[in-house]
Structure formats: C-alpha cells, structure tokens
PDB file of N, CA and C in Angstrom:
ATOM      1  N   MET A   1     107.558  26.059 125.364  1.00  0.00           N
ATOM      2  CA  MET A   1     108.648  26.057 124.684  1.00  0.00           C
ATOM      3  C   MET A   1     109.398  27.973 124.184  1.00  0.00           C
ATOM      4  N   THR A   2     110.599  27.764 124.489  1.00  0.00           N
ATOM      5  CA  THR A   2     111.217  29.357 124.642  1.00  0.00           C
ATOM      6  C   THR A   2     112.301  29.116 123.754  1.00  0.00           C
ATOM      7  N   GLY A   3     112.918  30.758 122.865  1.00  0.00           N
ATOM      8  CA  GLY A   3     113.451  30.680 122.029  1.00  0.00           C
ATOM      9  C   GLY A   3     114.687  31.930 122.664  1.00  0.00           C
ATOM     10  N   MET A   4     115.478  32.414 121.846  1.00  0.00           N
ATOM     11  CA  MET A   4     116.361  33.506 122.097  1.00  0.00           C
ATOM     12  C   MET A   4     116.426  34.484 121.062  1.00  0.00           C
ATOM     13  N   LEU A   5     116.178  35.631 121.780  1.00  0.00           N
ATOM     14  CA  LEU A   5     116.397  37.159 121.312  1.00  0.00           C
ATOM     15  C   LEU A   5     117.732  37.827 121.616  1.00  0.00           C
ATOM     16  N   VAL A   6     118.221  38.219 120.271  1.00  0.00           N
ATOM     17  CA  VAL A   6     119.505  39.261 120.950  1.00  0.00           C
ATOM     18  C   VAL A   6     118.903  40.696 120.185  1.00  0.00           C
ATOM     19  N   VAL A   7     119.064  41.843 121.284  1.00  0.00           N
ATOM     20  CA  VAL A   7     118.650  42.803 120.791  1.00  0.00           C
ATOM     21  C   VAL A   7     120.409  43.839 120.748  1.00  0.00           C
ATOM     22  N   SER A   8     120.378  44.690 119.804  1.00  0.00           N
ATOM     23  CA  SER A   8     121.751  45.731 119.911  1.00  0.00           C
ATOM     24  C   SER A   8     121.110  46.931 119.590  1.00  0.00           C
ATOM     25  N   ILE A   9     122.181  47.522 119.696  1.00  0.00           N
ATOM     26  CA  ILE A   9     121.951  49.326 118.671  1.00  0.00           C
ATOM     27  C   ILE A   9     123.213  49.292 118.458  1.00  0.00           C
ATOM     28  N   SER A  10     122.883  49.500 116.880  1.00  0.00           N
ATOM     29  CA  SER A  10     124.426  50.198 116.164  1.00  0.00           C
ATOM     30  C   SER A  10     124.543  51.618 116.320  1.00  0.00           C
ATOM     31  N   GLY A  11     125.837  51.761 116.262  1.00  0.00           N
ATOM     32  CA  GLY A  11     126.245  53.383 116.687  1.00  0.00           C
ATOM     33  C   GLY A  11     126.377  53.953 117.735  1.00  0.00           C
ATOM     34  N   GLY A  12     126.302  52.632 118.854  1.00  0.00           N
ATOM     35  CA  GLY A  12     127.008  52.858 120.093  1.00  0.00           C
ATOM     36  C   GLY A  12     125.492  53.485 121.099  1.00  0.00           C
ATOM     37  N   GLY A  13     125.737  53.913 122.152  1.00  0.00           N
ATOM     38  CA  GLY A  13     124.605  54.084 122.877  1.00  0.00           C
ATOM     39  C   GLY A  13     123.809  52.872 123.534  1.00  0.00           C
ATOM     40  N   SER A  14     123.059  52.956 124.567  1.00  0.00           N
ATOM     41  CA  SER A  14     122.145  52.222 125.196  1.00  0.00           C
ATOM     42  C   SER A  14     120.669  52.411 125.421  1.00  0.00           C
ATOM     43  N   ALA A  15     120.043  51.814 125.707  1.00  0.00           N
ATOM     44  CA  ALA A  15     118.725  52.108 125.949  1.00  0.00           C
ATOM     45  C   ALA A  15     117.680  51.182 126.657  1.00  0.00           C
ATOM     46  N   ILE A  16     117.017  50.950 127.361  1.00  0.00           N
ATOM     47  CA  ILE A  16     115.996  50.317 127.827  1.00  0.00           C
ATOM     48  C   ILE A  16     115.173  49.415 127.184  1.00  0.00           C
ATOM     49  N   VAL A  17     115.044  48.028 126.895  1.00  0.00           N
ATOM     50  CA  VAL A  17     114.449  47.635 126.053  1.00  0.00           C
ATOM     51  C   VAL A  17     113.222  46.999 126.707  1.00  0.00           C
ATOM     52  N   ALA A  18     111.897  47.289 126.392  1.00  0.00           N
ATOM     53  CA  ALA A  18     110.906  46.617 126.503  1.00  0.00           C
ATOM     54  C   ALA A  18     110.407  45.511 125.866  1.00  0.00           C
ATOM     55  N   ILE A  19     110.138  44.647 126.037  1.00  0.00           N
ATOM     56  CA  ILE A  19     109.549  43.341 125.164  1.00  0.00           C
ATOM     57  C   ILE A  19     107.932  43.133 125.813  1.00  0.00           C
ATOM     58  N   ASP A  20     107.228  43.063 125.187  1.00  0.00           N
ATOM     59  CA  ASP A  20     105.737  43.121 125.286  1.00  0.00           C
ATOM     60  C   ASP A  20     105.288  44.070 126.686  1.00  0.00           C
ATOM     61  N   GLY A  21     105.857  45.210 126.332  1.00  0.00           N
ATOM     62  CA  GLY A  21     105.219  46.176 127.515  1.00  0.00           C
ATOM     63  C   GLY A  21     105.996  46.043 129.212  1.00  0.00           C
ATOM     64  N   GLN A  22     107.273  45.124 129.147  1.00  0.00           N
ATOM     65  CA  GLN A  22     107.614  44.706 130.465  1.00  0.00           C
ATOM     66  C   GLN A  22     109.129  45.207 129.909  1.00  0.00           C
ATOM     67  N   ASN A  23     109.819  45.881 130.875  1.00  0.00           N
ATOM     68  CA  ASN A  23     111.089  46.473 131.223  1.00  0.00           C
ATOM     69  C   ASN A  23     112.032  45.307 131.393  1.00  0.00           C
ATOM     70  N   GLU A  24     113.001  44.819 130.422  1.00  0.00           N
ATOM     71  CA  GLU A  24     113.814  43.636 130.439  1.00  0.00           C
ATOM     72  C   GLU A  24     115.043  43.858 130.697  1.00  0.00           C
ATOM     73  N   GLY A  25     115.624  45.052 130.540  1.00  0.00           N
ATOM     74  CA  GLY A  25     117.162  45.342 130.563  1.00  0.00           C
ATOM     75  C   GLY A  25     117.868  46.447 129.888  1.00  0.00           C
ATOM     76  N   ARG A  26     119.024  46.754 129.626  1.00  0.00           N
ATOM     77  CA  ARG A  26     119.441  47.539 128.471  1.00  0.00           C
ATOM     78  C   ARG A  26     120.268  46.804 127.886  1.00  0.00           C
ATOM     79  N   ALA A  27     119.925  47.590 126.371  1.00  0.00           N
ATOM     80  CA  ALA A  27     120.691  46.671 125.042  1.00  0.00           C
ATOM     81  C   ALA A  27     122.448  47.005 125.212  1.00  0.00           C
ATOM     82  N   PRO A  28     123.221  46.231 124.884  1.00  0.00           N
ATOM     83  CA  PRO A  28     122.655  44.872 124.049  1.00  0.00           C
ATOM     84  C   PRO A  28     122.140  43.703 124.845  1.00  0.00           C
ATOM     85  N   LEU A  29     121.270  43.324 124.691  1.00  0.00           N
ATOM     86  CA  LEU A  29     120.435  42.259 125.830  1.00  0.00           C
ATOM     87  C   LEU A  29     120.095  41.075 124.792  1.00  0.00           C
ATOM     88  N   THR A  30     120.360  40.049 125.688  1.00  0.00           N
ATOM     89  CA  THR A  30     119.905  38.589 125.063  1.00  0.00           C
ATOM     90  C   THR A  30     118.917  38.078 126.188  1.00  0.00           C
ATOM     91  N   TRP A  31     117.736  37.839 125.529  1.00  0.00           N
ATOM     92  CA  TRP A  31     116.508  37.770 126.205  1.00  0.00           C
ATOM     93  C   TRP A  31     116.293  36.262 125.800  1.00  0.00           C
ATOM     94  N   ARG A  32     115.718  35.394 126.741  1.00  0.00           N
ATOM     95  CA  ARG A  32     114.912  34.104 126.838  1.00  0.00           C
ATOM     96  C   ARG A  32     113.373  34.123 126.768  1.00  0.00           C
ATOM     97  N   GLY A  33     112.897  33.769 125.931  1.00  0.00           N
ATOM     98  CA  GLY A  33     111.146  33.990 126.017  1.00  0.00           C
ATOM     99  C   GLY A  33     110.188  33.129 124.885  1.00  0.00           C
ATOM    100  N   GLY A  34     109.162  33.282 125.484  1.00  0.00           N
ATOM    101  CA  GLY A  34     108.058  32.336 125.022  1.00  0.00           C
ATOM    102  C   GLY A  34     108.103  32.017 123.100  1.00  0.00           C
ATOM    103  N   VAL A  35     108.108  31.282 122.460  1.00  0.00           N
ATOM    104  CA  VAL A  35     108.203  31.195 120.582  1.00  0.00           C
ATOM    105  C   VAL A  35     106.889  32.062 120.406  1.00  0.00           C
ATOM    106  N   GLY A  36     106.995  32.556 119.327  1.00  0.00           N
ATOM    107  CA  GLY A  36     105.958  33.837 118.831  1.00  0.00           C
ATOM    108  C   GLY A  36     106.497  35.060 118.467  1.00  0.00           C
ATOM    109  N   LYS A  37     105.352  35.668 117.994  1.00  0.00           N
ATOM    110  CA  LYS A  37     105.350  37.180 118.051  1.00  0.00           C
ATOM    111  C   LYS A  37     105.907  38.037 119.279  1.00  0.00           C
ATOM    112  N   HIS A  38     106.509  39.172 119.538  1.00  0.00           N
ATOM    113  CA  HIS A  38     106.983  40.126 120.432  1.00  0.00           C
ATOM    114  C   HIS A  38     106.992  41.089 119.891  1.00  0.00           C
ATOM    115  N   ILE A  39     107.160  42.242 120.555  1.00  0.00           N
ATOM    116  CA  ILE A  39     106.787  43.626 120.416  1.00  0.00           C
ATOM    117  C   ILE A  39     107.863  44.014 121.222  1.00  0.00           C
ATOM    118  N   VAL A  40     108.790  44.653 120.381  1.00  0.00           N
ATOM    119  CA  VAL A  40     110.170  45.226 121.496  1.00  0.00           C
ATOM    120  C   VAL A  40     110.248  46.839 120.764  1.00  0.00           C
ATOM    121  N   LYS A  41     110.469  47.243 122.067  1.00  0.00           N
ATOM    122  CA  LYS A  41     110.678  49.049 121.913  1.00  0.00           C
ATOM    123  C   LYS A  41     111.474  49.358 122.624  1.00  0.00           C
ATOM    124  N   LEU A  42     112.477  50.303 122.133  1.00  0.00           N
ATOM    125  CA  LEU A  42     113.635  51.103 122.798  1.00  0.00           C
ATOM    126  C   LEU A  42     113.221  52.327 123.788  1.00  0.00           C
ATOM    127  N   ARG A  43     113.460  52.512 125.025  1.00  0.00           N
ATOM    128  CA  ARG A  43     113.146  53.349 125.965  1.00  0.00           C
ATOM    129  C   ARG A  43     114.883  54.373 126.023  1.00  0.00           C
ATOM    130  N   GLY A  44     114.924  55.433 125.665  1.00  0.00           N
ATOM    131  CA  GLY A  44     116.027  56.332 126.336  1.00  0.00           C
ATOM    132  C   GLY A  44     116.009  57.812 125.379  1.00  0.00           C
ATOM    133  N   VAL A  45     116.843  58.296 125.442  1.00  0.00           N
ATOM    134  CA  VAL A  45     116.878  59.798 125.368  1.00  0.00           C
ATOM    135  C   VAL A  45     117.233  59.781 123.664  1.00  0.00           C
ATOM    136  N   GLU A  46     117.765  59.217 123.125  1.00  0.00           N
ATOM    137  CA  GLU A  46     118.542  59.215 121.652  1.00  0.00           C
ATOM    138  C   GLU A  46     117.023  58.628 120.882  1.00  0.00           C
ATOM    139  N   ASP A  47     116.903  59.131 119.829  1.00  0.00           N
ATOM    140  CA  ASP A  47     116.070  58.853 118.810  1.00  0.00           C
ATOM    141  C   ASP A  47     116.761  57.478 117.710  1.00  0.00           C
ATOM    142  N   TYR A  48     115.764  56.248 117.985  1.00  0.00           N
ATOM    143  CA  TYR A  48     116.127  55.305 117.502  1.00  0.00           C
ATOM    144  C   TYR A  48     115.151  54.817 115.948  1.00  0.00           C
ATOM    145  N   ALA A  49     115.914  54.475 115.260  1.00  0.00           N
ATOM    146  CA  ALA A  49     115.350  53.995 114.073  1.00  0.00           C
ATOM    147  C   ALA A  49     115.100  52.331 113.645  1.00  0.00           C
ATOM    148  N   PRO A  50     114.332  51.379 113.933  1.00  0.00           N
ATOM    149  CA  PRO A  50     112.991  52.144 114.352  1.00  0.00           C
ATOM    150  C   PRO A  50     112.986  52.036 115.965  1.00  0.00           C
ATOM    151  N   ARG A  51     112.124  52.369 116.589  1.00  0.00           N
ATOM    152  CA  ARG A  51     112.318  52.443 118.167  1.00  0.00           C
ATOM    153  C   ARG A  51     111.203  51.438 118.476  1.00  0.00           C
ATOM    154  N   LEU A  52     110.425  50.917 117.592  1.00  0.00           N
ATOM    155  CA  LEU A  52     109.348  49.865 117.666  1.00  0.00           C
ATOM    156  C   LEU A  52     109.854  48.791 116.566  1.00  0.00           C
ATOM    157  N   ALA A  53     109.274  47.445 117.200  1.00  0.00           N
ATOM    158  CA  ALA A  53     109.479  46.448 116.062  1.00  0.00           C
ATOM    159  C   ALA A  53     109.061  45.104 116.611  1.00  0.00           C
ATOM    160  N   THR A  54     108.511  44.330 115.574  1.00  0.00           N
ATOM    161  CA  THR A  54     107.774  43.351 116.097  1.00  0.00           C
ATOM    162  C   THR A  54     108.472  41.920 115.610  1.00  0.00           C
ATOM    163  N   VAL A  55     109.100  40.902 116.151  1.00  0.00           N
ATOM    164  CA  VAL A  55     110.108  39.877 115.914  1.00  0.00           C
ATOM    165  C   VAL A  55     109.172  38.516 116.386  1.00  0.00           C
ATOM    166  N   THR A  56     109.509  37.773 115.752  1.00  0.00           N
ATOM    167  CA  THR A  56     109.034  36.709 115.772  1.00  0.00           C
ATOM    168  C   THR A  56     110.474  35.652 116.253  1.00  0.00           C
ATOM    169  N   ILE A  57     110.144  34.899 117.451  1.00  0.00           N
ATOM    170  CA  ILE A  57     111.058  33.746 118.235  1.00  0.00           C
ATOM    171  C   ILE A  57     110.551  32.807 117.658  1.00  0.00           C
ATOM    172  N   SER A  58     111.332  31.924 117.233  1.00  0.00           N
ATOM    173  CA  SER A  58     111.374  30.077 117.296  1.00  0.00           C
ATOM    174  C   SER A  58     111.998  29.163 117.888  1.00  0.00           C
ATOM    175  N   ALA A  59     112.060  28.429 118.109  1.00  0.00           N
ATOM    176  CA  ALA A  59     112.679  27.333 119.605  1.00  0.00           C
ATOM    177  C   ALA A  59     113.755  26.616 118.871  1.00  0.00           C
ATOM    178  N   THR A  60     114.250  27.447 117.546  1.00  0.00           N
ATOM    179  CA  THR A  60     115.340  26.920 116.970  1.00  0.00           C
ATOM    180  C   THR A  60     116.268  27.198 116.635  1.00  0.00           C
ATOM    181  N   ASP A  61     116.136  28.789 116.816  1.00  0.00           N
ATOM    182  CA  ASP A  61     117.279  29.616 116.325  1.00  0.00           C
ATOM    183  C   ASP A  61     117.156  30.834 117.049  1.00  0.00           C
ATOM    184  N   THR A  62     118.019  31.785 117.218  1.00  0.00           N
ATOM    185  CA  THR A  62     118.041  32.706 118.039  1.00  0.00           C
ATOM    186  C   THR A  62     117.945  33.988 116.610  1.00  0.00           C
ATOM    187  N   SER A  63     116.590  34.680 117.304  1.00  0.00           N
ATOM    188  CA  SER A  63     116.347  36.137 116.413  1.00  0.00           C
ATOM    189  C   SER A  63     117.333  36.621 117.061  1.00  0.00           C
ATOM    190  N   ARG A  64     117.624  37.944 116.078  1.00  0.00           N
ATOM    191  CA  ARG A  64     118.457  39.155 116.430  1.00  0.00           C
ATOM    192  C   ARG A  64     117.628  40.225 115.946  1.00  0.00           C
ATOM    193  N   LEU A  65     117.795  41.388 116.590  1.00  0.00           N
ATOM    194  CA  LEU A  65     117.274  42.545 116.254  1.00  0.00           C
ATOM    195  C   LEU A  65     117.955  43.781 116.402  1.00  0.00           C
ATOM    196  N   THR A  66     118.426  44.793 115.160  1.00  0.00           N
ATOM    197  CA  THR A  66     119.469  45.642 115.801  1.00  0.00           C
ATOM    198  C   THR A  66     118.482  47.053 115.385  1.00  0.00           C
ATOM    199  N   PHE A  67     118.845  48.144 116.254  1.00  0.00           N
ATOM    200  CA  PHE A  67     118.078  49.540 116.389  1.00  0.00           C
ATOM    201  C   PHE A  67     119.517  50.270 115.567  1.00  0.00           C
ATOM    202  N   THR A  68     118.980  51.072 115.141  1.00  0.00           N
ATOM    203  CA  THR A  68     120.199  52.354 114.546  1.00  0.00           C
ATOM    204  C   THR A  68     120.182  53.747 115.645  1.00  0.00           C
ATOM    205  N   ILE A  69     120.721  54.237 115.927  1.00  0.00           N
ATOM    206  CA  ILE A  69     120.903  55.492 116.680  1.00  0.00           C
ATOM    207  C   ILE A  69     120.730  56.957 115.333  1.00  0.00           C
ATOM    208  N   ARG A  70     119.614  57.658 115.638  1.00  0.00           N
ATOM    209  CA  ARG A  70     119.490  58.312 114.115  1.00  0.00           C
ATOM    210  C   ARG A  70     120.433  59.850 114.778  1.00  0.00           C
ATOM    211  N   ARG A  71     121.143  60.053 114.309  1.00  0.00           N
ATOM    212  CA  ARG A  71     122.314  61.520 114.288  1.00  0.00           C
ATOM    213  C   ARG A  71     121.524  62.450 113.867  1.00  0.00           C
ATOM    214  N   PRO A  72     121.161  63.802 114.325  1.00  0.00           N
ATOM    215  CA  PRO A  72     120.621  65.240 113.739  1.00  0.00           C
ATOM    216  C   PRO A  72     122.072  65.326 112.570  1.00  0.00           C
TER     217      PRO A  72
END
C-alpha cells in the first residue's frame, strides 16, 4: 500500500528533501511512498524549523508537513 506526502516550506526558499535517508527532490514536493512512519529531513543553506521530522503516512489520506525558514 502507498500513500501521499506533501512537503512545503513556509517563508519562501527551497531545500533538498530527504525521506528515510534518500534524496527525493526539492521542496515543495509531493511524494508517494509506503504507509507507515518516515523520517523527513531538509538539506540546504537556510536554517529550518524543524530540520528533521517524523511523519506517518496512511493509505487513505494525504499527509502534509510544513517546515519554516528561521530568519536571523
């Protein structure tokens, strides 16, 4: 079974999205993957809050995860 995950960044910018240690593309990103828990990490020059998050994907709904750029 697969589900959907939408990863976005509030405050502009873009970053590489790694899901379970594999680079999957740049945010904003829509990813189809197996149901269950996944670790999502942003890689880029900006500082994000959070930089790492765990999300649970279900087969019946689209999961959404939004990161925020921290500005000095």
